[in-house]
Amino acid sequence: MAYAQPHPRLSVVSNSSLSSVDHLSPTTSSTRFSLPSAPSLHGAASIVKAGPNRPNIYERNLNKTRGAEVSGAAFAFLFSEIVQYTQKRVSGINDLERQLNTLGYRIGTRVIELMVWRAEGSSKTPKREIKLISVLMMVHTQVWKAVFGKPADAIERSVENPDEYMIIDNDPPIERHISVPRDMSQLSCSSFTAGIVEAVLDGLSFPARVTAHNTPNPQFPNRTTILIKLEKSVLDREELLK
């Protein structure tokens, strides 16, 4: 879906303005999608031999997998198959984006559940964010890191529409290995990401309609904008909290 920057925007935060060591460190690259080195023959043999004794995946400690990496090649292949499978069962670009959004929403419900569980388990006094900006910052940083291994690049607020916010990702990991045909140039596979964001916001009681839009520029051809349009109830609650 093409998105031609319809509204003036006020920058809330961008990676260039963040001063934390975590954001300035070169290790903030997308290591979550780094390709693992090929195992040796000896290692492969030992893995096969130990197969029957490996613990059930449902018995694994969720805190021990907090920093686990996922093969970039495996993720790209799986997501490609998802897009192709869905494309064969829809009637147009809008329908395809809607289906990807629905699939992302299912992932988002699990992401927020896991993040809340880990936060409650690692802190004696866990807190829940109730302010809009704090929640958006959490999505921009913590959710993006949990899913993509890096924070988003910026978050902006619409000047004309107070109920609209935009999260900018200059190089979305899910778009890196996707080649969109010319006749489908308006397609944004980041609708999958939009579904994740929408589920997280719904889970935190900040209902919104979230969509993805291609906003490329010469420096970042895959640049994507995640547009968040909040429901009126969220803005009314923000006024009461002031």
C-alpha atoms as a PDB file:
ATOM      1  CA  MET A   1       0.000   0.000   0.000  1.00  0.00           C
ATOM      2  CA  ALA A   2       1.603   3.253  -1.085  1.00  0.00           C
ATOM      3  CA  TYR A   3       1.878   5.987   1.500  1.00  0.00           C
ATOM      4  CA  ALA A   4       2.828   9.456   0.354  1.00  0.00           C
ATOM      5  CA  GLN A   5       3.351  11.132   3.742  1.00  0.00           C
ATOM      6  CA  PRO A   6      -0.118  12.759   3.856  1.00  0.00           C
ATOM      7  CA  HIS A   7       0.324  14.542   7.174  1.00  0.00           C
ATOM      8  CA  PRO A   8       2.995  16.815   8.632  1.00  0.00           C
ATOM      9  CA  ARG A   9       4.727  15.013  11.451  1.00  0.00           C
ATOM     10  CA  LEU A  10       6.428  15.886  14.702  1.00  0.00           C
ATOM     11  CA  SER A  11       9.304  13.616  15.604  1.00  0.00           C
ATOM     12  CA  VAL A  12       8.926  12.008  19.020  1.00  0.00           C
ATOM     13  CA  VAL A  13      12.161  10.059  19.038  1.00  0.00           C
ATOM     14  CA  SER A  14      14.661   8.664  16.589  1.00  0.00           C
ATOM     15  CA  ASN A  15      17.681   6.443  16.983  1.00  0.00           C
ATOM     16  CA  SER A  16      19.971   9.337  16.146  1.00  0.00           C
ATOM     17  CA  SER A  17      18.765  11.206  19.234  1.00  0.00           C
ATOM     18  CA  LEU A  18      18.991   8.307  21.668  1.00  0.00           C
ATOM     19  CA  SER A  19      21.962   8.560  23.951  1.00  0.00           C
ATOM     20  CA  SER A  20      21.939   5.209  25.695  1.00  0.00           C
ATOM     21  CA  VAL A  21      24.921   2.934  25.307  1.00  0.00           C
ATOM     22  CA  ASP A  22      22.618   0.217  24.057  1.00  0.00           C
ATOM     23  CA  HIS A  23      21.565   2.263  21.044  1.00  0.00           C
ATOM     24  CA  LEU A  24      25.059   3.547  20.294  1.00  0.00           C
ATOM     25  CA  SER A  25      26.601   0.112  20.448  1.00  0.00           C
ATOM     26  CA  PRO A  26      27.346  -1.592  17.111  1.00  0.00           C
ATOM     27  CA  THR A  27      25.862  -4.752  18.567  1.00  0.00           C
ATOM     28  CA  THR A  28      22.361  -3.369  18.047  1.00  0.00           C
ATOM     29  CA  SER A  29      22.330  -4.756  14.529  1.00  0.00           C
ATOM     30  CA  SER A  30      19.839  -7.470  13.697  1.00  0.00           C
ATOM     31  CA  THR A  31      21.768 -10.305  15.308  1.00  0.00           C
ATOM     32  CA  ARG A  32      18.515 -12.113  15.908  1.00  0.00           C
ATOM     33  CA  PHE A  33      18.458 -12.960  12.215  1.00  0.00           C
ATOM     34  CA  SER A  34      22.145 -13.776  11.818  1.00  0.00           C
ATOM     35  CA  LEU A  35      22.941 -17.004  10.037  1.00  0.00           C
ATOM     36  CA  PRO A  36      24.407 -19.654  12.344  1.00  0.00           C
ATOM     37  CA  SER A  37      27.632 -21.364  11.374  1.00  0.00           C
ATOM     38  CA  ALA A  38      27.322 -24.828   9.903  1.00  0.00           C
ATOM     39  CA  PRO A  39      27.842 -27.570  12.507  1.00  0.00           C
ATOM     40  CA  SER A  40      30.764 -29.922  12.143  1.00  0.00           C
ATOM     41  CA  LEU A  41      30.261 -33.571  11.267  1.00  0.00           C
ATOM     42  CA  HIS A  42      31.126 -34.532  14.823  1.00  0.00           C
ATOM     43  CA  GLY A  43      28.611 -32.028  16.183  1.00  0.00           C
ATOM     44  CA  ALA A  44      25.921 -33.229  13.798  1.00  0.00           C
ATOM     45  CA  ALA A  45      26.473 -36.814  14.837  1.00  0.00           C
ATOM     46  CA  SER A  46      26.228 -35.939  18.511  1.00  0.00           C
ATOM     47  CA  ILE A  47      22.997 -34.021  17.932  1.00  0.00           C
ATOM     48  CA  VAL A  48      21.388 -36.982  16.206  1.00  0.00           C
ATOM     49  CA  LYS A  49      22.577 -39.320  18.915  1.00  0.00           C
ATOM     50  CA  ALA A  50      21.185 -37.138  21.694  1.00  0.00           C
ATOM     51  CA  GLY A  51      17.856 -36.613  19.944  1.00  0.00           C
ATOM     52  CA  PRO A  52      15.696 -38.988  22.024  1.00  0.00           C
ATOM     53  CA  ASN A  53      16.949 -37.413  25.273  1.00  0.00           C
ATOM     54  CA  ARG A  54      16.312 -33.801  24.300  1.00  0.00           C
ATOM     55  CA  PRO A  55      13.748 -32.052  26.549  1.00  0.00           C
ATOM     56  CA  ASN A  56      10.281 -31.318  25.271  1.00  0.00           C
ATOM     57  CA  ILE A  57      10.007 -27.809  23.817  1.00  0.00           C
ATOM     58  CA  TYR A  58       7.102 -27.077  26.164  1.00  0.00           C
ATOM     59  CA  GLU A  59       9.317 -27.806  29.175  1.00  0.00           C
ATOM     60  CA  ARG A  60      12.002 -25.272  28.259  1.00  0.00           C
ATOM     61  CA  ASN A  61      12.531 -22.325  30.584  1.00  0.00           C
ATOM     62  CA  LEU A  62      11.251 -19.245  28.739  1.00  0.00           C
ATOM     63  CA  ASN A  63      13.781 -16.985  30.445  1.00  0.00           C
ATOM     64  CA  LYS A  64      16.672 -19.038  29.049  1.00  0.00           C
ATOM     65  CA  THR A  65      15.500 -18.385  25.487  1.00  0.00           C
ATOM     66  CA  ARG A  66      15.328 -14.607  25.958  1.00  0.00           C
ATOM     67  CA  GLY A  67      18.439 -13.983  23.834  1.00  0.00           C
ATOM     68  CA  ALA A  68      18.059 -16.928  21.474  1.00  0.00           C
ATOM     69  CA  GLU A  69      18.812 -16.276  17.816  1.00  0.00           C
ATOM     70  CA  VAL A  70      16.821 -17.383  14.802  1.00  0.00           C
ATOM     71  CA  SER A  71      18.384 -18.349  11.498  1.00  0.00           C
ATOM     72  CA  GLY A  72      17.885 -15.525   9.009  1.00  0.00           C
ATOM     73  CA  ALA A  73      17.703 -17.974   6.114  1.00  0.00           C
ATOM     74  CA  ALA A  74      15.080 -20.100   7.862  1.00  0.00           C
ATOM     75  CA  PHE A  75      12.991 -17.050   8.729  1.00  0.00           C
ATOM     76  CA  ALA A  76      13.195 -15.653   5.177  1.00  0.00           C
ATOM     77  CA  PHE A  77      12.180 -19.008   3.693  1.00  0.00           C
ATOM     78  CA  LEU A  78       9.282 -19.475   6.106  1.00  0.00           C
ATOM     79  CA  PHE A  79       7.928 -15.949   5.623  1.00  0.00           C
ATOM     80  CA  SER A  80       8.261 -16.278   1.848  1.00  0.00           C
ATOM     81  CA  GLU A  81       6.175 -19.442   1.946  1.00  0.00           C
ATOM     82  CA  ILE A  82       3.584 -17.699   4.116  1.00  0.00           C
ATOM     83  CA  VAL A  83       3.258 -14.846   1.620  1.00  0.00           C
ATOM     84  CA  GLN A  84       3.032 -17.194  -1.376  1.00  0.00           C
ATOM     85  CA  TYR A  85       0.517 -19.455   0.365  1.00  0.00           C
ATOM     86  CA  THR A  86      -1.646 -16.471   1.299  1.00  0.00           C
ATOM     87  CA  GLN A  87      -1.345 -14.854  -2.130  1.00  0.00           C
ATOM     88  CA  LYS A  88      -2.903 -17.891  -3.803  1.00  0.00           C
ATOM     89  CA  ARG A  89      -5.979 -17.586  -1.604  1.00  0.00           C
ATOM     90  CA  VAL A  90      -6.836 -13.892  -1.895  1.00  0.00           C
ATOM     91  CA  SER A  91      -8.412 -11.722  -4.567  1.00  0.00           C
ATOM     92  CA  GLY A  92      -6.205  -8.632  -4.431  1.00  0.00           C
ATOM     93  CA  ILE A  93      -3.504  -6.628  -2.679  1.00  0.00           C
ATOM     94  CA  ASN A  94      -5.809  -5.262   0.021  1.00  0.00           C
ATOM     95  CA  ASP A  95      -7.037  -8.750   0.837  1.00  0.00           C
ATOM     96  CA  LEU A  96      -3.458 -10.062   0.982  1.00  0.00           C
ATOM     97  CA  GLU A  97      -2.395  -7.295   3.356  1.00  0.00           C
ATOM     98  CA  ARG A  98      -5.445  -7.981   5.509  1.00  0.00           C
ATOM     99  CA  GLN A  99      -4.534 -11.656   5.784  1.00  0.00           C
ATOM    100  CA  LEU A 100      -0.907 -10.848   6.654  1.00  0.00           C
ATOM    101  CA  ASN A 101      -2.172  -8.421   9.287  1.00  0.00           C
ATOM    102  CA  THR A 102      -4.329 -11.166  10.798  1.00  0.00           C
ATOM    103  CA  LEU A 103      -1.388 -13.580  10.931  1.00  0.00           C
ATOM    104  CA  GLY A 104       0.769 -10.904  12.556  1.00  0.00           C
ATOM    105  CA  TYR A 105      -1.957 -10.222  15.119  1.00  0.00           C
ATOM    106  CA  ARG A 106      -1.788 -13.836  16.250  1.00  0.00           C
ATOM    107  CA  ILE A 107       1.958 -13.487  16.755  1.00  0.00           C
ATOM    108  CA  GLY A 108       1.521 -10.184  18.586  1.00  0.00           C
ATOM    109  CA  THR A 109      -0.805 -11.686  21.195  1.00  0.00           C
ATOM    110  CA  ARG A 110       1.906 -14.198  22.061  1.00  0.00           C
ATOM    111  CA  VAL A 111       4.645 -11.561  22.065  1.00  0.00           C
ATOM    112  CA  ILE A 112       2.909  -9.335  24.618  1.00  0.00           C
ATOM    113  CA  GLU A 113       1.982 -12.344  26.752  1.00  0.00           C
ATOM    114  CA  LEU A 114       5.607 -13.510  26.833  1.00  0.00           C
ATOM    115  CA  MET A 115       6.970 -10.016  27.537  1.00  0.00           C
ATOM    116  CA  VAL A 116       4.551  -9.466  30.431  1.00  0.00           C
ATOM    117  CA  TRP A 117       5.351 -12.887  31.888  1.00  0.00           C
ATOM    118  CA  ARG A 118       9.083 -12.212  31.765  1.00  0.00           C
ATOM    119  CA  ALA A 119       8.673  -8.735  33.252  1.00  0.00           C
ATOM    120  CA  GLU A 120       6.632 -10.071  36.157  1.00  0.00           C
ATOM    121  CA  GLY A 121       9.066 -12.914  36.746  1.00  0.00           C
ATOM    122  CA  SER A 122      12.182 -10.738  36.775  1.00  0.00           C
ATOM    123  CA  SER A 123      10.865  -7.937  39.002  1.00  0.00           C
ATOM    124  CA  LYS A 124       9.380  -7.971  42.483  1.00  0.00           C
ATOM    125  CA  THR A 125       7.388  -4.848  41.689  1.00  0.00           C
ATOM    126  CA  PRO A 126       6.449  -5.025  37.999  1.00  0.00           C
ATOM    127  CA  LYS A 127       4.626  -2.015  36.651  1.00  0.00           C
ATOM    128  CA  ARG A 128       2.208  -1.550  33.808  1.00  0.00           C
ATOM    129  CA  GLU A 129       2.504   1.446  31.520  1.00  0.00           C
ATOM    130  CA  ILE A 130      -0.665   3.536  31.417  1.00  0.00           C
ATOM    131  CA  LYS A 131       0.585   6.567  29.468  1.00  0.00           C
ATOM    132  CA  LEU A 132       0.374   6.566  25.683  1.00  0.00           C
ATOM    133  CA  ILE A 133       3.891   7.835  24.986  1.00  0.00           C
ATOM    134  CA  SER A 134       5.409   5.259  27.346  1.00  0.00           C
ATOM    135  CA  VAL A 135       3.518   2.462  25.613  1.00  0.00           C
ATOM    136  CA  LEU A 136       4.549   3.655  22.152  1.00  0.00           C
ATOM    137  CA  MET A 137       8.163   3.868  23.297  1.00  0.00           C
ATOM    138  CA  MET A 138       7.913   0.304  24.581  1.00  0.00           C
ATOM    139  CA  VAL A 139       6.637  -0.844  21.179  1.00  0.00           C
ATOM    140  CA  HIS A 140       9.340   1.168  19.390  1.00  0.00           C
ATOM    141  CA  THR A 141      12.138  -0.309  21.496  1.00  0.00           C
ATOM    142  CA  GLN A 142      11.285  -3.426  23.503  1.00  0.00           C
ATOM    143  CA  VAL A 143       8.781  -5.067  21.155  1.00  0.00           C
ATOM    144  CA  TRP A 144      10.944  -4.393  18.094  1.00  0.00           C
ATOM    145  CA  LYS A 145      13.965  -5.862  19.887  1.00  0.00           C
ATOM    146  CA  ALA A 146      12.018  -8.923  20.997  1.00  0.00           C
ATOM    147  CA  VAL A 147      10.749  -9.625  17.480  1.00  0.00           C
ATOM    148  CA  PHE A 148      13.444  -8.242  15.159  1.00  0.00           C
ATOM    149  CA  GLY A 149      16.523  -7.971  17.374  1.00  0.00           C
ATOM    150  CA  LYS A 150      16.789  -4.185  17.023  1.00  0.00           C
ATOM    151  CA  PRO A 151      14.733  -1.094  17.892  1.00  0.00           C
ATOM    152  CA  ALA A 152      12.777   0.797  15.258  1.00  0.00           C
ATOM    153  CA  ASP A 153      14.441   3.869  13.783  1.00  0.00           C
ATOM    154  CA  ALA A 154      11.978   6.597  14.776  1.00  0.00           C
ATOM    155  CA  ILE A 155       8.542   7.351  16.121  1.00  0.00           C
ATOM    156  CA  GLU A 156       6.622  10.415  14.981  1.00  0.00           C
ATOM    157  CA  ARG A 157       3.320  12.096  15.756  1.00  0.00           C
ATOM    158  CA  SER A 158       1.009  13.597  13.172  1.00  0.00           C
ATOM    159  CA  VAL A 159       0.631  17.360  13.542  1.00  0.00           C
ATOM    160  CA  GLU A 160      -2.792  17.488  11.895  1.00  0.00           C
ATOM    161  CA  ASN A 161      -4.323  14.366  13.456  1.00  0.00           C
ATOM    162  CA  PRO A 162      -3.622  13.926  17.190  1.00  0.00           C
ATOM    163  CA  ASP A 163      -4.815  10.315  17.059  1.00  0.00           C
ATOM    164  CA  GLU A 164      -2.113   9.234  14.590  1.00  0.00           C
ATOM    165  CA  TYR A 165       1.425   8.101  15.364  1.00  0.00           C
ATOM    166  CA  MET A 166       3.996   6.569  13.031  1.00  0.00           C
ATOM    167  CA  ILE A 167       6.784   4.100  13.753  1.00  0.00           C
ATOM    168  CA  ILE A 168       9.543   4.201  11.130  1.00  0.00           C
ATOM    169  CA  ASP A 169      11.731   1.232  10.223  1.00  0.00           C
ATOM    170  CA  ASN A 170      14.366   2.071   7.614  1.00  0.00           C
ATOM    171  CA  ASP A 171      15.313  -1.550   6.953  1.00  0.00           C
ATOM    172  CA  PRO A 172      12.570  -3.989   8.023  1.00  0.00           C
ATOM    173  CA  PRO A 173      14.051  -7.490   8.385  1.00  0.00           C
ATOM    174  CA  ILE A 174      10.994  -9.135   6.812  1.00  0.00           C
ATOM    175  CA  GLU A 175      11.365  -6.988   3.670  1.00  0.00           C
ATOM    176  CA  ARG A 176      15.049  -7.709   3.013  1.00  0.00           C
ATOM    177  CA  HIS A 177      14.582 -10.874   0.970  1.00  0.00           C
ATOM    178  CA  ILE A 178      11.252 -10.063  -0.687  1.00  0.00           C
ATOM    179  CA  SER A 179      11.025  -9.042  -4.334  1.00  0.00           C
ATOM    180  CA  VAL A 180       7.625  -7.528  -5.104  1.00  0.00           C
ATOM    181  CA  PRO A 181       6.469  -7.663  -8.767  1.00  0.00           C
ATOM    182  CA  ARG A 182       5.850  -4.353 -10.508  1.00  0.00           C
ATOM    183  CA  ASP A 183       2.139  -4.990 -10.820  1.00  0.00           C
ATOM    184  CA  MET A 184       2.008  -5.351  -7.013  1.00  0.00           C
ATOM    185  CA  SER A 185       4.244  -2.400  -6.158  1.00  0.00           C
ATOM    186  CA  GLN A 186       1.719  -1.103  -3.625  1.00  0.00           C
ATOM    187  CA  LEU A 187       1.975  -4.276  -1.540  1.00  0.00           C
ATOM    188  CA  SER A 188       3.573  -3.897   1.887  1.00  0.00           C
ATOM    189  CA  CYS A 189       4.470  -7.218   3.468  1.00  0.00           C
ATOM    190  CA  SER A 190       5.077  -5.266   6.671  1.00  0.00           C
ATOM    191  CA  SER A 191       1.333  -5.571   7.187  1.00  0.00           C
ATOM    192  CA  PHE A 192       2.471  -8.619   9.137  1.00  0.00           C
ATOM    193  CA  THR A 193       4.390  -6.278  11.470  1.00  0.00           C
ATOM    194  CA  ALA A 194       1.388  -3.953  11.675  1.00  0.00           C
ATOM    195  CA  GLY A 195      -0.675  -6.879  12.945  1.00  0.00           C
ATOM    196  CA  ILE A 196       1.903  -7.554  15.668  1.00  0.00           C
ATOM    197  CA  VAL A 197       1.801  -3.907  16.780  1.00  0.00           C
ATOM    198  CA  GLU A 198      -1.997  -3.843  16.769  1.00  0.00           C
ATOM    199  CA  ALA A 199      -2.169  -6.955  18.959  1.00  0.00           C
ATOM    200  CA  VAL A 200       0.348  -5.522  21.438  1.00  0.00           C
ATOM    201  CA  LEU A 201      -1.576  -2.245  21.714  1.00  0.00           C
ATOM    202  CA  ASP A 202      -4.869  -4.095  22.145  1.00  0.00           C
ATOM    203  CA  GLY A 203      -3.302  -6.249  24.854  1.00  0.00           C
ATOM    204  CA  LEU A 204      -2.165  -3.125  26.709  1.00  0.00           C
ATOM    205  CA  SER A 205      -5.653  -1.556  26.433  1.00  0.00           C
ATOM    206  CA  PHE A 206      -4.662   0.990  23.785  1.00  0.00           C
ATOM    207  CA  PRO A 207      -6.922  -0.115  20.916  1.00  0.00           C
ATOM    208  CA  ALA A 208      -5.911   1.190  17.501  1.00  0.00           C
ATOM    209  CA  ARG A 209      -6.058   0.444  13.794  1.00  0.00           C
ATOM    210  CA  VAL A 210      -2.538  -0.255  12.554  1.00  0.00           C
ATOM    211  CA  THR A 211      -1.483  -0.362   8.901  1.00  0.00           C
ATOM    212  CA  ALA A 212       1.825  -0.567   7.034  1.00  0.00           C
ATOM    213  CA  HIS A 213       2.902   1.718   4.188  1.00  0.00           C
ATOM    214  CA  ASN A 214       5.915   1.782   1.891  1.00  0.00           C
ATOM    215  CA  THR A 215       7.792   5.082   2.231  1.00  0.00           C
ATOM    216  CA  PRO A 216      11.076   4.472   0.373  1.00  0.00           C
ATOM    217  CA  ASN A 217      13.785   7.042  -0.172  1.00  0.00           C
ATOM    218  CA  PRO A 218      17.108   6.896  -2.070  1.00  0.00           C
ATOM    219  CA  GLN A 219      19.018   5.897   1.051  1.00  0.00           C
ATOM    220  CA  PHE A 220      16.529   3.306   2.341  1.00  0.00           C
ATOM    221  CA  PRO A 221      14.565   1.651  -0.493  1.00  0.00           C
ATOM    222  CA  ASN A 222      12.731  -0.657   1.947  1.00  0.00           C
ATOM    223  CA  ARG A 223      11.771   2.073   4.408  1.00  0.00           C
ATOM    224  CA  THR A 224       8.385   1.337   5.971  1.00  0.00           C
ATOM    225  CA  THR A 225       5.980   3.388   8.062  1.00  0.00           C
ATOM    226  CA  ILE A 226       3.707   1.674  10.569  1.00  0.00           C
ATOM    227  CA  LEU A 227       0.713   3.994  10.938  1.00  0.00           C
ATOM    228  CA  ILE A 228      -1.128   3.809  14.273  1.00  0.00           C
ATOM    229  CA  LYS A 229      -4.589   5.384  14.402  1.00  0.00           C
ATOM    230  CA  LEU A 230      -5.797   5.334  17.990  1.00  0.00           C
ATOM    231  CA  GLU A 231      -9.401   4.997  19.045  1.00  0.00           C
ATOM    232  CA  LYS A 232     -11.089   8.011  20.611  1.00  0.00           C
ATOM    233  CA  SER A 233     -11.333   6.279  23.995  1.00  0.00           C
ATOM    234  CA  VAL A 234      -7.532   6.258  24.244  1.00  0.00           C
ATOM    235  CA  LEU A 235      -7.285  10.022  23.722  1.00  0.00           C
ATOM    236  CA  ASP A 236     -10.100  10.652  26.204  1.00  0.00           C
ATOM    237  CA  ARG A 237      -8.261   8.610  28.820  1.00  0.00           C
ATOM    238  CA  GLU A 238      -5.041  10.511  28.153  1.00  0.00           C
ATOM    239  CA  GLU A 239      -6.851  13.779  28.848  1.00  0.00           C
ATOM    240  CA  LEU A 240      -8.056  12.462  32.198  1.00  0.00           C
ATOM    241  CA  LEU A 241      -4.525  11.407  33.172  1.00  0.00           C
ATOM    242  CA  LYS A 242      -3.034  14.847  32.563  1.00  0.00           C
END
